[in-house]
Amino acid sequence: MKKWLLLSATLFLVGCAEDKKELPKDAEVETTISLKPVIDVSINNFGAWAYYDKYCWEDAEKQCALKPTLPSEFLEREHVNHVEPGETISFRFSIPLDDWDFPQPDSFIAYIQDGEEMKPIEVNEKTVQAPETPGKHYMSVKAIWDGEVKGEAIYAFSLYIKE
């Protein structure tokens, strides 16, 4: 009886194993990215307060073309970064330990809020300069992946430029 049970179990397992279909070596496998990217903002090499706005990962059915939300709409009660006029603000993608091989963004676009619109400002080597005008300013940074991974992420922050 034990032999018959062992033989039946073996045949069942072999039968299940033969149903496996292997993909050709050159087949493309569609994967969904679930990572919520984190963009680190630094002012003169010190961490700054930055807040998540939105992100998007492209796939066969979806293209990304994110526009920043007006930061004044969601940062009014959040921490403000106090800076000197013209200080250097830098950006980088913070890679989670479990996704250490995830690529860095290919480019960044920075914006400054002017009334009810966001105006792009020059990004040079992942850095921008703080405004020269004293007072409170709202900015956003958009990270763009345009290589093997395609997607976008936007973070916003506020600055108080000292007089």
N, C-alpha and C. Protein backbone atom coordinates (compact mmCIF):
# COMPACT_ATOMS: atom_id res chain seq x y z
N MET A 1 0.82 -1.19 0.00
CA MET A 1 0.00 0.00 0.00
C MET A 1 0.87 1.26 0.00
N LYS A 2 1.93 1.26 0.83
CA LYS A 2 2.82 2.41 0.88
C LYS A 2 3.48 2.65 -0.47
N LYS A 3 3.87 1.54 -1.15
CA LYS A 3 4.50 1.70 -2.46
C LYS A 3 3.53 2.33 -3.44
N TRP A 4 2.28 1.89 -3.43
CA TRP A 4 1.27 2.42 -4.34
C TRP A 4 1.02 3.91 -4.08
N LEU A 5 0.95 4.31 -2.82
CA LEU A 5 0.76 5.70 -2.43
C LEU A 5 1.96 6.54 -2.85
N LEU A 6 3.16 6.03 -2.64
CA LEU A 6 4.39 6.74 -3.03
C LEU A 6 4.46 6.90 -4.55
N LEU A 7 4.11 5.81 -5.30
CA LEU A 7 4.12 5.87 -6.75
C LEU A 7 3.09 6.88 -7.26
N SER A 8 1.89 6.92 -6.67
CA SER A 8 0.85 7.86 -7.07
C SER A 8 1.28 9.30 -6.83
N ALA A 9 1.86 9.54 -5.66
CA ALA A 9 2.33 10.90 -5.33
C ALA A 9 3.44 11.33 -6.28
N THR A 10 4.36 10.45 -6.62
CA THR A 10 5.46 10.76 -7.53
C THR A 10 4.92 11.10 -8.92
N LEU A 11 3.98 10.28 -9.43
CA LEU A 11 3.40 10.55 -10.74
C LEU A 11 2.65 11.87 -10.76
N PHE A 12 1.95 12.17 -9.66
CA PHE A 12 1.24 13.44 -9.57
C PHE A 12 2.20 14.62 -9.64
N LEU A 13 3.30 14.55 -8.88
CA LEU A 13 4.29 15.63 -8.87
C LEU A 13 4.98 15.77 -10.21
N VAL A 14 5.32 14.65 -10.86
CA VAL A 14 5.97 14.70 -12.17
C VAL A 14 5.00 15.30 -13.19
N GLY A 15 3.74 14.90 -13.13
CA GLY A 15 2.74 15.45 -14.04
C GLY A 15 2.58 16.94 -13.87
N CYS A 16 2.60 17.42 -12.64
CA CYS A 16 2.50 18.87 -12.40
C CYS A 16 3.73 19.59 -12.91
N ALA A 17 4.89 19.00 -12.73
CA ALA A 17 6.12 19.64 -13.16
C ALA A 17 6.19 19.76 -14.68
N GLU A 18 5.62 18.78 -15.41
CA GLU A 18 5.67 18.83 -16.87
C GLU A 18 4.77 19.91 -17.44
N ASP A 19 3.79 20.42 -16.68
CA ASP A 19 2.90 21.46 -17.17
C ASP A 19 3.56 22.84 -17.19
N LYS A 20 4.71 22.96 -16.56
CA LYS A 20 5.40 24.26 -16.54
C LYS A 20 5.85 24.62 -17.94
N LYS A 21 5.55 25.85 -18.35
CA LYS A 21 5.98 26.33 -19.66
C LYS A 21 7.04 27.40 -19.43
N GLU A 22 8.14 27.25 -20.13
CA GLU A 22 9.20 28.23 -20.00
C GLU A 22 9.06 29.28 -21.09
N LEU A 23 9.36 30.53 -20.71
CA LEU A 23 9.34 31.62 -21.68
C LEU A 23 10.62 31.57 -22.51
N PRO A 24 10.53 31.94 -23.77
CA PRO A 24 11.76 32.04 -24.56
C PRO A 24 12.72 33.04 -23.91
N LYS A 25 13.99 32.84 -24.11
CA LYS A 25 14.99 33.70 -23.47
C LYS A 25 14.85 35.17 -23.86
N ASP A 26 14.37 35.47 -25.06
CA ASP A 26 14.25 36.86 -25.50
C ASP A 26 12.85 37.44 -25.26
N ALA A 27 11.98 36.72 -24.55
CA ALA A 27 10.62 37.21 -24.29
C ALA A 27 10.66 38.36 -23.29
N GLU A 28 9.84 39.39 -23.56
CA GLU A 28 9.73 40.51 -22.64
C GLU A 28 8.61 40.23 -21.66
N VAL A 29 8.91 40.41 -20.38
CA VAL A 29 7.92 40.19 -19.34
C VAL A 29 7.48 41.54 -18.80
N GLU A 30 6.19 41.80 -18.82
CA GLU A 30 5.63 43.07 -18.33
C GLU A 30 5.64 43.03 -16.80
N THR A 31 6.27 44.00 -16.18
CA THR A 31 6.28 44.08 -14.72
C THR A 31 5.65 45.39 -14.30
N THR A 32 5.00 45.36 -13.17
CA THR A 32 4.39 46.55 -12.62
C THR A 32 5.28 47.07 -11.51
N ILE A 33 5.60 48.35 -11.56
CA ILE A 33 6.44 48.95 -10.52
C ILE A 33 5.52 49.51 -9.45
N SER A 34 5.76 49.11 -8.22
CA SER A 34 4.93 49.59 -7.12
C SER A 34 5.69 50.56 -6.20
N LEU A 35 6.94 50.81 -6.51
CA LEU A 35 7.78 51.68 -5.69
C LEU A 35 7.26 53.11 -5.68
N LYS A 36 7.10 53.68 -4.48
CA LYS A 36 6.78 55.10 -4.35
C LYS A 36 8.12 55.81 -4.19
N PRO A 37 8.56 56.54 -5.21
CA PRO A 37 9.89 57.14 -5.15
C PRO A 37 9.97 58.25 -4.11
N VAL A 38 11.13 58.37 -3.51
CA VAL A 38 11.38 59.43 -2.54
C VAL A 38 12.51 60.30 -3.09
N ILE A 39 12.23 61.59 -3.21
CA ILE A 39 13.23 62.53 -3.68
C ILE A 39 13.75 63.30 -2.46
N ASP A 40 15.06 63.24 -2.25
CA ASP A 40 15.67 63.99 -1.16
C ASP A 40 16.04 65.38 -1.67
N VAL A 41 15.68 66.38 -0.90
CA VAL A 41 16.03 67.76 -1.20
C VAL A 41 17.00 68.22 -0.13
N SER A 42 18.11 68.83 -0.54
CA SER A 42 19.11 69.35 0.40
C SER A 42 19.38 70.81 0.09
N ILE A 43 19.61 71.58 1.14
CA ILE A 43 19.99 72.98 0.99
C ILE A 43 21.36 73.14 1.63
N ASN A 44 22.34 73.49 0.80
CA ASN A 44 23.74 73.57 1.24
C ASN A 44 24.16 72.32 1.99
N ASN A 45 23.83 71.15 1.43
CA ASN A 45 24.19 69.83 1.94
C ASN A 45 23.51 69.45 3.24
N PHE A 46 22.46 70.15 3.65
CA PHE A 46 21.67 69.77 4.81
C PHE A 46 20.27 69.37 4.33
N GLY A 47 19.73 68.32 4.92
CA GLY A 47 18.41 67.85 4.53
C GLY A 47 17.36 68.94 4.68
N ALA A 48 16.43 68.98 3.76
CA ALA A 48 15.36 69.97 3.78
C ALA A 48 14.02 69.26 3.83
N TRP A 49 13.00 69.97 4.28
CA TRP A 49 11.65 69.43 4.31
C TRP A 49 11.08 69.46 2.89
N ALA A 50 10.70 68.30 2.38
CA ALA A 50 10.06 68.20 1.06
C ALA A 50 8.90 67.23 1.20
N TYR A 51 7.84 67.47 0.44
CA TYR A 51 6.60 66.71 0.60
C TYR A 51 6.16 66.12 -0.73
N TYR A 52 5.71 64.88 -0.64
CA TYR A 52 5.24 64.13 -1.81
C TYR A 52 4.03 64.81 -2.45
N ASP A 53 4.05 64.93 -3.77
CA ASP A 53 2.92 65.44 -4.55
C ASP A 53 2.27 64.28 -5.29
N LYS A 54 2.97 63.67 -6.24
CA LYS A 54 2.41 62.56 -7.02
C LYS A 54 3.52 61.82 -7.76
N TYR A 55 3.19 60.62 -8.25
CA TYR A 55 4.12 59.88 -9.11
C TYR A 55 3.36 59.01 -10.09
N CYS A 56 4.06 58.53 -11.12
CA CYS A 56 3.47 57.72 -12.17
C CYS A 56 4.56 56.84 -12.78
N TRP A 57 4.26 55.57 -13.00
CA TRP A 57 5.16 54.68 -13.73
C TRP A 57 4.47 54.30 -15.02
N GLU A 58 5.17 54.40 -16.13
CA GLU A 58 4.59 54.05 -17.43
C GLU A 58 4.57 52.55 -17.63
N ASP A 59 3.58 52.12 -18.39
CA ASP A 59 3.53 50.74 -18.86
C ASP A 59 2.93 50.76 -20.27
N ALA A 60 2.58 49.61 -20.79
CA ALA A 60 2.09 49.53 -22.17
C ALA A 60 0.81 50.34 -22.38
N GLU A 61 0.02 50.51 -21.32
CA GLU A 61 -1.27 51.19 -21.45
C GLU A 61 -1.27 52.62 -20.91
N LYS A 62 -0.21 53.05 -20.25
CA LYS A 62 -0.26 54.34 -19.57
C LYS A 62 1.04 55.12 -19.81
N GLN A 63 0.89 56.38 -20.20
CA GLN A 63 2.02 57.30 -20.36
C GLN A 63 1.95 58.32 -19.23
N CYS A 64 3.08 58.81 -18.80
CA CYS A 64 3.13 59.81 -17.73
C CYS A 64 3.36 61.20 -18.31
N ALA A 65 2.65 62.18 -17.79
CA ALA A 65 2.84 63.58 -18.15
C ALA A 65 2.34 64.42 -16.97
N LEU A 66 2.99 64.22 -15.83
CA LEU A 66 2.53 64.87 -14.60
C LEU A 66 2.83 66.37 -14.59
N LYS A 67 1.91 67.10 -14.02
CA LYS A 67 2.10 68.53 -13.78
C LYS A 67 2.03 68.73 -12.27
N PRO A 68 2.89 69.57 -11.72
CA PRO A 68 2.86 69.74 -10.26
C PRO A 68 1.59 70.42 -9.78
N THR A 69 1.12 69.98 -8.63
CA THR A 69 0.04 70.67 -7.93
C THR A 69 0.62 71.96 -7.38
N LEU A 70 -0.16 73.02 -7.32
CA LEU A 70 0.34 74.25 -6.71
C LEU A 70 0.72 73.94 -5.27
N PRO A 71 2.00 74.07 -4.91
CA PRO A 71 2.43 73.72 -3.55
C PRO A 71 1.69 74.50 -2.46
N SER A 72 1.28 75.72 -2.76
CA SER A 72 0.55 76.51 -1.75
C SER A 72 -0.76 75.83 -1.35
N GLU A 73 -1.27 74.93 -2.19
CA GLU A 73 -2.53 74.25 -1.89
C GLU A 73 -2.37 73.17 -0.82
N PHE A 74 -1.14 72.64 -0.64
CA PHE A 74 -1.00 71.58 0.36
C PHE A 74 0.19 71.78 1.31
N LEU A 75 0.93 72.87 1.18
CA LEU A 75 2.07 73.10 2.07
C LEU A 75 1.87 74.24 3.07
N GLU A 76 0.71 74.83 3.07
CA GLU A 76 0.48 76.02 3.90
C GLU A 76 0.84 75.79 5.36
N ARG A 77 0.54 74.61 5.89
CA ARG A 77 0.79 74.33 7.31
C ARG A 77 2.00 73.42 7.54
N GLU A 78 2.78 73.19 6.53
CA GLU A 78 3.95 72.31 6.65
C GLU A 78 5.20 73.13 6.98
N HIS A 79 6.27 72.40 7.33
CA HIS A 79 7.54 73.05 7.68
C HIS A 79 8.06 73.88 6.51
N VAL A 80 8.63 75.02 6.84
CA VAL A 80 9.23 75.91 5.85
C VAL A 80 10.75 75.84 6.04
N ASN A 81 11.48 75.80 4.93
CA ASN A 81 12.95 75.78 4.97
C ASN A 81 13.46 77.22 4.94
N HIS A 82 14.18 77.61 5.97
CA HIS A 82 14.74 78.96 6.05
C HIS A 82 16.10 78.97 5.37
N VAL A 83 16.25 79.84 4.38
CA VAL A 83 17.49 79.87 3.59
C VAL A 83 17.92 81.30 3.30
N GLU A 84 19.17 81.43 2.93
CA GLU A 84 19.72 82.70 2.48
C GLU A 84 19.43 82.86 0.99
N PRO A 85 19.35 84.08 0.50
CA PRO A 85 19.15 84.28 -0.94
C PRO A 85 20.23 83.58 -1.77
N GLY A 86 19.82 82.89 -2.82
CA GLY A 86 20.76 82.26 -3.74
C GLY A 86 21.42 80.98 -3.25
N GLU A 87 21.01 80.44 -2.11
CA GLU A 87 21.63 79.20 -1.62
C GLU A 87 21.37 78.06 -2.60
N THR A 88 22.26 77.06 -2.58
CA THR A 88 22.16 75.92 -3.48
C THR A 88 21.19 74.88 -2.93
N ILE A 89 20.25 74.47 -3.80
CA ILE A 89 19.27 73.43 -3.46
C ILE A 89 19.56 72.25 -4.40
N SER A 90 19.78 71.07 -3.82
CA SER A 90 20.10 69.90 -4.66
C SER A 90 19.06 68.80 -4.46
N PHE A 91 18.99 67.90 -5.46
CA PHE A 91 18.00 66.83 -5.47
C PHE A 91 18.69 65.51 -5.73
N ARG A 92 18.13 64.45 -5.15
CA ARG A 92 18.57 63.10 -5.48
C ARG A 92 17.46 62.13 -5.13
N PHE A 93 17.45 61.01 -5.80
CA PHE A 93 16.49 59.94 -5.56
C PHE A 93 17.04 59.08 -4.44
N SER A 94 16.25 58.86 -3.40
CA SER A 94 16.64 58.03 -2.28
C SER A 94 16.25 56.59 -2.59
N ILE A 95 17.23 55.72 -2.71
CA ILE A 95 16.99 54.33 -3.11
C ILE A 95 16.70 53.48 -1.88
N PRO A 96 15.54 52.81 -1.84
CA PRO A 96 15.24 51.92 -0.72
C PRO A 96 16.19 50.72 -0.73
N LEU A 97 16.52 50.20 0.43
CA LEU A 97 17.47 49.08 0.52
C LEU A 97 17.00 47.86 -0.25
N ASP A 98 15.69 47.59 -0.26
CA ASP A 98 15.22 46.41 -0.97
C ASP A 98 15.12 46.61 -2.48
N ASP A 99 15.35 47.82 -2.96
CA ASP A 99 15.36 48.12 -4.39
C ASP A 99 16.68 48.79 -4.79
N TRP A 100 17.78 48.32 -4.23
CA TRP A 100 19.08 48.98 -4.40
C TRP A 100 19.52 49.10 -5.86
N ASP A 101 18.99 48.25 -6.75
CA ASP A 101 19.40 48.31 -8.15
C ASP A 101 18.46 49.17 -9.01
N PHE A 102 17.51 49.85 -8.37
CA PHE A 102 16.59 50.71 -9.11
C PHE A 102 17.38 51.91 -9.64
N PRO A 103 17.16 52.30 -10.91
CA PRO A 103 17.98 53.37 -11.49
C PRO A 103 17.66 54.76 -10.92
N GLN A 104 18.67 55.61 -10.96
CA GLN A 104 18.49 57.02 -10.60
C GLN A 104 17.70 57.70 -11.72
N PRO A 105 17.01 58.80 -11.43
CA PRO A 105 16.30 59.53 -12.49
C PRO A 105 17.28 60.01 -13.56
N ASP A 106 16.80 60.11 -14.78
CA ASP A 106 17.63 60.60 -15.89
C ASP A 106 17.72 62.11 -15.89
N SER A 107 16.71 62.79 -15.34
CA SER A 107 16.74 64.25 -15.30
C SER A 107 15.78 64.76 -14.23
N PHE A 108 15.95 66.04 -13.93
CA PHE A 108 15.07 66.74 -12.99
C PHE A 108 14.60 68.03 -13.65
N ILE A 109 13.35 68.41 -13.34
CA ILE A 109 12.82 69.72 -13.73
C ILE A 109 12.37 70.39 -12.43
N ALA A 110 12.76 71.62 -12.23
CA ALA A 110 12.34 72.36 -11.04
C ALA A 110 11.38 73.47 -11.45
N TYR A 111 10.48 73.80 -10.54
CA TYR A 111 9.47 74.83 -10.78
C TYR A 111 9.40 75.75 -9.57
N ILE A 112 9.03 76.99 -9.82
CA ILE A 112 8.73 77.92 -8.74
C ILE A 112 7.32 78.43 -8.96
N GLN A 113 6.56 78.51 -7.88
CA GLN A 113 5.18 78.98 -7.99
C GLN A 113 5.19 80.49 -8.14
N ASP A 114 4.46 80.95 -9.15
CA ASP A 114 4.29 82.38 -9.41
C ASP A 114 2.80 82.63 -9.54
N GLY A 115 2.18 83.08 -8.44
CA GLY A 115 0.73 83.26 -8.45
C GLY A 115 0.04 81.92 -8.54
N GLU A 116 -0.74 81.72 -9.59
CA GLU A 116 -1.49 80.48 -9.78
C GLU A 116 -0.86 79.56 -10.82
N GLU A 117 0.40 79.77 -11.14
CA GLU A 117 1.05 78.90 -12.11
C GLU A 117 2.45 78.51 -11.63
N MET A 118 2.92 77.41 -12.20
CA MET A 118 4.26 76.91 -11.90
C MET A 118 5.16 77.21 -13.09
N LYS A 119 6.25 77.93 -12.83
CA LYS A 119 7.18 78.28 -13.90
C LYS A 119 8.46 77.46 -13.76
N PRO A 120 8.90 76.83 -14.86
CA PRO A 120 10.15 76.06 -14.79
C PRO A 120 11.34 76.98 -14.53
N ILE A 121 12.30 76.45 -13.77
CA ILE A 121 13.54 77.18 -13.53
C ILE A 121 14.71 76.28 -13.90
N GLU A 122 15.85 76.88 -14.14
CA GLU A 122 17.03 76.15 -14.61
C GLU A 122 17.57 75.19 -13.55
N VAL A 123 17.79 73.94 -13.97
CA VAL A 123 18.43 72.93 -13.13
C VAL A 123 19.80 72.67 -13.73
N ASN A 124 20.83 72.73 -12.91
CA ASN A 124 22.20 72.52 -13.36
C ASN A 124 22.85 71.47 -12.45
N GLU A 125 23.15 70.29 -13.01
CA GLU A 125 23.77 69.21 -12.23
C GLU A 125 22.95 68.87 -11.00
N LYS A 126 21.65 68.69 -11.15
CA LYS A 126 20.73 68.33 -10.08
C LYS A 126 20.63 69.39 -8.98
N THR A 127 20.92 70.64 -9.32
CA THR A 127 20.81 71.73 -8.34
C THR A 127 20.12 72.94 -8.96
N VAL A 128 19.51 73.74 -8.09
CA VAL A 128 18.96 75.05 -8.46
C VAL A 128 19.40 76.04 -7.39
N GLN A 129 19.21 77.29 -7.67
CA GLN A 129 19.53 78.33 -6.69
C GLN A 129 18.23 78.83 -6.07
N ALA A 130 18.27 79.08 -4.76
CA ALA A 130 17.12 79.66 -4.08
C ALA A 130 16.88 81.05 -4.64
N PRO A 131 15.63 81.51 -4.62
CA PRO A 131 15.35 82.87 -5.10
C PRO A 131 16.12 83.92 -4.30
N GLU A 132 16.30 85.06 -4.91
CA GLU A 132 16.98 86.19 -4.25
C GLU A 132 16.00 87.07 -3.49
N THR A 133 14.73 87.02 -3.87
CA THR A 133 13.71 87.89 -3.29
C THR A 133 13.32 87.40 -1.89
N PRO A 134 13.40 88.25 -0.87
CA PRO A 134 13.00 87.84 0.49
C PRO A 134 11.52 87.45 0.54
N GLY A 135 11.19 86.56 1.49
CA GLY A 135 9.81 86.15 1.69
C GLY A 135 9.63 84.66 1.44
N LYS A 136 8.36 84.21 1.45
CA LYS A 136 8.04 82.80 1.28
C LYS A 136 7.87 82.47 -0.20
N HIS A 137 8.47 81.35 -0.59
CA HIS A 137 8.41 80.86 -1.98
C HIS A 137 8.07 79.38 -1.95
N TYR A 138 7.33 78.93 -2.96
CA TYR A 138 6.99 77.52 -3.11
C TYR A 138 7.68 76.99 -4.36
N MET A 139 8.26 75.78 -4.21
CA MET A 139 8.95 75.16 -5.35
C MET A 139 8.54 73.69 -5.44
N SER A 140 8.70 73.12 -6.62
CA SER A 140 8.50 71.69 -6.86
C SER A 140 9.67 71.16 -7.67
N VAL A 141 9.94 69.88 -7.51
CA VAL A 141 10.95 69.21 -8.33
C VAL A 141 10.32 67.94 -8.89
N LYS A 142 10.54 67.75 -10.18
CA LYS A 142 10.02 66.58 -10.89
C LYS A 142 11.20 65.73 -11.34
N ALA A 143 11.23 64.48 -10.88
CA ALA A 143 12.24 63.52 -11.31
C ALA A 143 11.67 62.74 -12.48
N ILE A 144 12.50 62.54 -13.51
CA ILE A 144 12.04 61.85 -14.71
C ILE A 144 12.96 60.67 -15.00
N TRP A 145 12.35 59.48 -15.12
CA TRP A 145 13.06 58.29 -15.56
C TRP A 145 12.67 58.08 -17.01
N ASP A 146 13.66 58.01 -17.91
CA ASP A 146 13.36 57.91 -19.33
C ASP A 146 14.24 56.85 -20.00
N GLY A 147 14.66 55.86 -19.23
CA GLY A 147 15.49 54.80 -19.77
C GLY A 147 14.71 53.49 -19.77
N GLU A 148 15.32 52.44 -19.23
CA GLU A 148 14.65 51.15 -19.13
C GLU A 148 13.37 51.27 -18.29
N VAL A 149 13.45 52.07 -17.23
CA VAL A 149 12.28 52.40 -16.41
C VAL A 149 11.79 53.76 -16.88
N LYS A 150 10.48 53.90 -17.04
CA LYS A 150 9.91 55.18 -17.46
C LYS A 150 8.88 55.61 -16.43
N GLY A 151 9.07 56.85 -15.94
CA GLY A 151 8.13 57.35 -14.96
C GLY A 151 8.50 58.74 -14.49
N GLU A 152 7.69 59.26 -13.58
CA GLU A 152 7.90 60.61 -13.05
C GLU A 152 7.46 60.65 -11.59
N ALA A 153 8.09 61.53 -10.83
CA ALA A 153 7.69 61.77 -9.44
C ALA A 153 7.87 63.24 -9.14
N ILE A 154 6.94 63.80 -8.36
CA ILE A 154 7.02 65.22 -8.01
C ILE A 154 6.95 65.38 -6.50
N TYR A 155 7.85 66.21 -5.98
CA TYR A 155 7.87 66.60 -4.57
C TYR A 155 7.85 68.12 -4.52
N ALA A 156 7.33 68.67 -3.44
CA ALA A 156 7.25 70.13 -3.30
C ALA A 156 7.86 70.54 -1.96
N PHE A 157 8.27 71.79 -1.89
CA PHE A 157 8.83 72.32 -0.65
C PHE A 157 8.64 73.83 -0.64
N SER A 158 8.71 74.40 0.56
CA SER A 158 8.58 75.84 0.67
C SER A 158 9.86 76.42 1.27
N LEU A 159 10.15 77.64 0.88
CA LEU A 159 11.36 78.33 1.34
C LEU A 159 10.96 79.67 1.94
N TYR A 160 11.67 80.03 2.97
CA TYR A 160 11.55 81.40 3.46
C TYR A 160 12.92 82.04 3.28
N ILE A 161 12.98 82.99 2.36
CA ILE A 161 14.25 83.67 2.07
C ILE A 161 14.41 84.82 3.07
N LYS A 162 15.51 84.75 3.81
CA LYS A 162 15.79 85.79 4.82
C LYS A 162 16.18 87.10 4.15
N GLU A 163 15.85 88.17 4.83
CA GLU A 163 16.22 89.52 4.30
C GLU A 163 17.66 89.85 4.65
